[in-house]
Amino acid sequence: MSSNYLYTDLSGYYDLMCLDISYHAQSYGVQRLHKLFGNNGQTHLDLACGTGPHIRHFIDFGYQSSGLDVNQPMLDQAKSRCPEAQLLLGDMCGFEVDEPLDLITCFLYSIHYSDGIEKLEQCVASAHRALKPGGMFCFNSVDKNKIDNNLFEQHTVVQGGSLFTFRSAWHYPGEGEKQSLKLSIEKTTGGITHSWEDEHPMVASGFEELTKILQSFFDVHILEHDYERIVPWDNTSGNAIFVCVKA
């Protein structure tokens, strides 16, 4: 299977796979962070926007919102959800914008889709170039040193007479700059089960290494992975929200 098999060929299942995610809470939480740390502007780009649920909320908040993703089937669904948004097919590790922006977001750990540390640095540099002074780049990340390869997330959904079971898990081999996100879907209809599996290569970084990269471009604030409260990172947990402000 190709590395984008699930996201491209099964993009119709993507919203079901993420049904347990509160897109409103995440979007509203970042809007609050933008008011606190950012420049009060309302032009926004969502990197790795997928089917556009975050974009929909930012538009409803009053932002002039746009999205970028590497998969056209995702963007086709995003266009149906957000017809007023500008949606671009492209790589977040080397993008350009026509006019500087106030806010760039990258949700659902998608920053890790950068292919290696060098590409991650290019993504950060692209975000910096695309922002106005005082603009904010916000994303969430997982620390490679805190990954437990035995843990996984799972949820089930019933739709159209079928039972879907979705699983996802991080895997880090213990060294290097590569980790993976393992995904699986099971669809059971009338007692017959079909399954799909995929493993997405992703960049691995520790928070110390990531912070050094970011501080070359931004003023960096690291917060607990909680979109409902604004709390400084405790230096212990393996998930965090990074708020990066362009001077």
Protein backbone atom coordinates (compact mmCIF):
# COMPACT_ATOMS: atom_id res chain seq x y z
CA MET A 1 0.00 0.00 0.00
CA SER A 2 1.14 3.52 -0.65
CA SER A 3 1.87 5.78 2.30
CA ASN A 4 -1.26 7.83 1.53
CA TYR A 5 -3.53 4.86 0.83
CA LEU A 6 -6.05 5.47 3.59
CA TYR A 7 -6.12 9.22 3.19
CA THR A 8 -6.55 9.15 -0.59
CA ASP A 9 -8.52 6.02 -1.48
CA LEU A 10 -10.55 5.94 1.73
CA SER A 11 -10.86 9.69 2.24
CA GLY A 12 -14.61 9.22 2.39
CA TYR A 13 -14.09 7.54 5.77
CA TYR A 14 -11.81 10.21 7.17
CA ASP A 15 -14.52 12.16 9.01
CA LEU A 16 -15.78 8.94 10.57
CA MET A 17 -12.25 8.08 11.63
CA CYS A 18 -12.03 11.44 13.42
CA LEU A 19 -15.58 11.48 14.76
CA ASP A 20 -14.43 11.55 18.38
CA ILE A 21 -12.44 14.77 17.83
CA SER A 22 -13.95 18.06 18.98
CA TYR A 23 -13.01 20.29 16.08
CA HIS A 24 -14.93 23.18 17.61
CA ALA A 25 -13.03 22.95 20.90
CA GLN A 26 -9.69 22.82 19.09
CA SER A 27 -10.55 25.72 16.78
CA TYR A 28 -11.99 27.85 19.56
CA GLY A 29 -9.00 27.11 21.76
CA VAL A 30 -6.57 28.31 19.10
CA GLN A 31 -8.73 31.37 18.45
CA ARG A 32 -8.34 32.24 22.15
CA LEU A 33 -4.57 31.73 21.88
CA HIS A 34 -4.46 33.95 18.82
CA LYS A 35 -6.24 36.73 20.70
CA LEU A 36 -3.81 36.35 23.59
CA PHE A 37 -0.52 35.94 21.71
CA GLY A 38 -1.21 37.08 18.15
CA ASN A 39 -1.83 40.30 16.25
CA ASN A 40 -5.66 40.35 16.25
CA GLY A 41 -5.81 39.91 12.47
CA GLN A 42 -8.19 37.47 10.80
CA THR A 43 -6.44 35.96 7.80
CA HIS A 44 -5.83 32.27 8.39
CA LEU A 45 -4.29 29.24 6.70
CA ASP A 46 -4.78 25.68 7.94
CA LEU A 47 -1.92 23.35 6.91
CA ALA A 48 -2.83 19.70 6.23
CA CYS A 49 -6.45 20.85 6.37
CA GLY A 50 -7.96 17.50 5.39
CA THR A 51 -11.71 17.72 4.80
CA GLY A 52 -11.83 21.22 6.27
CA PRO A 53 -13.64 20.97 9.65
CA HIS A 54 -11.26 23.39 11.35
CA ILE A 55 -11.56 25.81 8.44
CA ARG A 56 -15.35 25.72 8.79
CA HIS A 57 -15.12 26.81 12.41
CA PHE A 58 -12.60 29.57 11.73
CA ILE A 59 -14.82 30.95 8.98
CA ASP A 60 -17.74 30.89 11.40
CA PHE A 61 -15.56 32.78 13.91
CA GLY A 62 -15.13 35.54 11.32
CA TYR A 63 -11.74 34.61 9.84
CA GLN A 64 -10.85 34.78 6.17
CA SER A 65 -9.76 31.17 6.19
CA SER A 66 -7.95 29.01 3.64
CA GLY A 67 -6.50 25.53 3.57
CA LEU A 68 -3.64 23.53 2.12
CA ASP A 69 -3.39 19.76 1.78
CA VAL A 70 -1.40 17.26 -0.27
CA ASN A 71 -4.44 15.09 -1.12
CA GLN A 72 -6.99 16.28 -3.67
CA PRO A 73 -9.82 13.96 -2.46
CA MET A 74 -9.58 15.64 0.94
CA LEU A 75 -9.72 19.08 -0.64
CA ASP A 76 -12.77 18.06 -2.70
CA GLN A 77 -14.62 17.32 0.53
CA ALA A 78 -13.30 20.49 2.14
CA LYS A 79 -14.69 22.49 -0.78
CA SER A 80 -18.15 21.05 -0.15
CA ARG A 81 -17.88 21.95 3.53
CA CYS A 82 -16.28 25.38 3.01
CA PRO A 83 -17.20 26.68 -0.46
CA GLU A 84 -16.08 30.20 0.46
CA ALA A 85 -12.54 29.10 1.39
CA GLN A 86 -9.50 29.13 -0.87
CA LEU A 87 -8.16 25.58 -0.94
CA LEU A 88 -4.71 24.77 -2.27
CA LEU A 89 -3.12 21.47 -3.28
CA GLY A 90 0.46 21.50 -2.04
CA ASP A 91 3.20 20.47 0.35
CA MET A 92 3.31 22.26 3.69
CA CYS A 93 7.11 21.95 3.70
CA GLY A 94 7.48 24.44 0.87
CA PHE A 95 4.47 26.69 0.43
CA GLU A 96 4.07 30.34 -0.51
CA VAL A 97 1.16 32.75 -0.02
CA ASP A 98 0.09 35.77 -2.07
CA GLU A 99 -0.41 38.01 0.97
CA PRO A 100 1.05 37.63 4.48
CA LEU A 101 -1.22 36.02 7.04
CA ASP A 102 -2.17 36.56 10.67
CA LEU A 103 -2.56 32.93 11.72
CA ILE A 104 -1.32 29.56 10.49
CA THR A 105 -2.53 26.37 12.13
CA CYS A 106 -1.63 22.70 11.81
CA PHE A 107 -3.88 20.41 13.84
CA LEU A 108 -3.97 16.69 14.66
CA TYR A 109 -0.18 16.32 14.89
CA SER A 110 0.04 16.88 11.14
CA ILE A 111 3.29 18.82 11.58
CA HIS A 112 4.88 15.35 11.77
CA TYR A 113 4.02 14.68 8.11
CA SER A 114 7.20 16.59 7.31
CA ASP A 115 9.58 13.98 5.87
CA GLY A 116 12.56 14.30 8.17
CA ILE A 117 14.06 17.08 10.28
CA GLU A 118 15.27 19.03 7.25
CA LYS A 119 11.74 19.10 5.82
CA LEU A 120 10.36 20.06 9.22
CA GLU A 121 12.71 23.03 9.28
CA GLN A 122 11.50 23.97 5.78
CA CYS A 123 7.90 23.85 7.01
CA VAL A 124 8.73 26.15 9.92
CA ALA A 125 10.60 28.52 7.62
CA SER A 126 7.68 28.56 5.16
CA ALA A 127 5.27 29.42 7.97
CA HIS A 128 7.54 32.20 9.17
CA ARG A 129 7.77 33.72 5.68
CA ALA A 130 4.00 33.54 5.24
CA LEU A 131 3.13 35.42 8.44
CA LYS A 132 2.83 39.12 9.14
CA PRO A 133 4.85 40.58 12.03
CA GLY A 134 3.02 39.50 15.16
CA GLY A 135 1.44 36.62 13.27
CA MET A 136 1.11 33.24 14.98
CA PHE A 137 1.91 29.67 13.96
CA CYS A 138 0.15 27.12 16.17
CA PHE A 139 0.34 23.31 16.07
CA ASN A 140 0.42 20.28 18.33
CA SER A 141 3.24 17.77 18.54
CA VAL A 142 4.26 14.51 20.20
CA ASP A 143 7.68 14.04 21.82
CA LYS A 144 9.40 10.98 20.34
CA ASN A 145 11.00 10.25 23.71
CA LYS A 146 7.60 9.86 25.39
CA ILE A 147 5.94 7.53 22.87
CA ASP A 148 4.64 4.22 24.24
CA ASN A 149 4.50 1.79 21.33
CA ASN A 150 1.97 -0.35 23.20
CA LEU A 151 -0.71 2.34 23.36
CA PHE A 152 -3.37 2.92 20.71
CA GLU A 153 -6.62 4.82 20.27
CA GLN A 154 -9.78 3.06 19.15
CA HIS A 155 -13.39 4.01 18.52
CA THR A 156 -16.37 2.50 16.72
CA VAL A 157 -19.09 4.11 14.61
CA VAL A 158 -22.27 2.70 13.09
CA GLN A 159 -23.25 4.25 9.77
CA GLY A 160 -25.32 3.08 6.82
CA GLY A 161 -25.84 -0.35 8.35
CA SER A 162 -22.11 -0.96 8.81
CA LEU A 163 -19.98 -1.06 11.94
CA PHE A 164 -16.66 0.74 11.59
CA THR A 165 -13.73 0.23 13.97
CA PHE A 166 -10.88 2.72 13.74
CA ARG A 167 -7.49 2.32 15.42
CA SER A 168 -4.41 4.53 15.46
CA ALA A 169 -1.06 4.27 17.23
CA TRP A 170 2.32 5.98 17.29
CA HIS A 171 5.44 3.86 16.89
CA TYR A 172 8.99 5.05 17.48
CA PRO A 173 11.88 2.56 17.05
CA GLY A 174 13.94 4.23 19.78
CA GLU A 175 16.43 6.19 17.71
CA GLY A 176 16.63 8.41 14.66
CA GLU A 177 14.31 11.00 13.15
CA LYS A 178 11.62 8.66 11.83
CA GLN A 179 8.48 7.47 13.55
CA SER A 180 5.23 6.14 12.14
CA LEU A 181 1.51 6.49 12.61
CA LYS A 182 -0.23 3.14 12.26
CA LEU A 183 -3.84 3.23 11.13
CA SER A 184 -6.47 0.59 10.54
CA ILE A 185 -10.13 0.50 9.53
CA GLU A 186 -12.50 -2.44 9.86
CA LYS A 187 -15.92 -2.29 8.19
CA THR A 188 -18.42 -5.00 9.10
CA THR A 189 -21.64 -5.30 7.10
CA GLY A 190 -23.98 -8.27 7.35
CA GLY A 191 -21.39 -10.30 9.22
CA ILE A 192 -18.70 -9.73 6.59
CA THR A 193 -15.64 -7.71 7.61
CA HIS A 194 -13.30 -5.81 5.32
CA SER A 195 -10.16 -4.24 6.72
CA TRP A 196 -7.53 -1.75 5.60
CA GLU A 197 -4.21 -1.02 7.25
CA ASP A 198 -1.58 1.59 6.64
CA GLU A 199 1.59 2.93 8.21
CA HIS A 200 2.47 6.57 7.61
CA PRO A 201 6.15 7.57 7.88
CA MET A 202 6.48 10.72 9.96
CA VAL A 203 9.25 12.85 11.37
CA ALA A 204 10.25 12.19 14.98
CA SER A 205 11.58 14.91 17.24
CA GLY A 206 11.93 15.60 20.92
CA PHE A 207 10.51 18.83 22.29
CA GLU A 208 13.99 20.17 23.08
CA GLU A 209 15.12 19.67 19.49
CA LEU A 210 11.86 21.08 18.10
CA THR A 211 12.05 24.15 20.31
CA LYS A 212 15.57 24.94 19.08
CA ILE A 213 14.35 24.82 15.48
CA LEU A 214 11.39 27.07 16.25
CA GLN A 215 13.40 29.60 18.26
CA SER A 216 15.49 30.36 15.17
CA PHE A 217 12.34 31.94 13.73
CA PHE A 218 9.80 32.64 16.48
CA ASP A 219 9.11 33.54 20.06
CA VAL A 220 7.93 30.15 21.34
CA HIS A 221 5.37 29.29 24.02
CA ILE A 222 4.77 25.63 24.90
CA LEU A 223 1.42 24.77 26.46
CA GLU A 224 -0.23 21.69 27.85
CA HIS A 225 -2.20 19.72 25.28
CA ASP A 226 -5.53 21.11 26.47
CA TYR A 227 -7.57 23.28 24.11
CA GLU A 228 -9.99 24.30 26.86
CA ARG A 229 -7.40 25.71 29.28
CA ILE A 230 -4.31 27.82 28.70
CA VAL A 231 -1.70 26.12 30.88
CA PRO A 232 2.11 26.11 30.45
CA TRP A 233 3.59 22.74 29.54
CA ASP A 234 4.66 20.81 32.63
CA ASN A 235 7.91 19.55 31.02
CA THR A 236 6.65 16.01 31.59
CA SER A 237 3.80 15.13 29.26
CA GLY A 238 4.54 13.85 25.76
CA ASN A 239 1.98 16.00 23.98
CA ALA A 240 1.97 19.78 23.76
CA ILE A 241 0.63 22.77 21.87
CA PHE A 242 3.26 25.08 20.38
CA VAL A 243 2.41 28.75 19.99
CA CYS A 244 4.98 30.51 17.81
CA VAL A 245 4.86 34.28 17.30
CA LYS A 246 6.74 36.11 14.56
CA ALA A 247 8.60 39.14 15.94
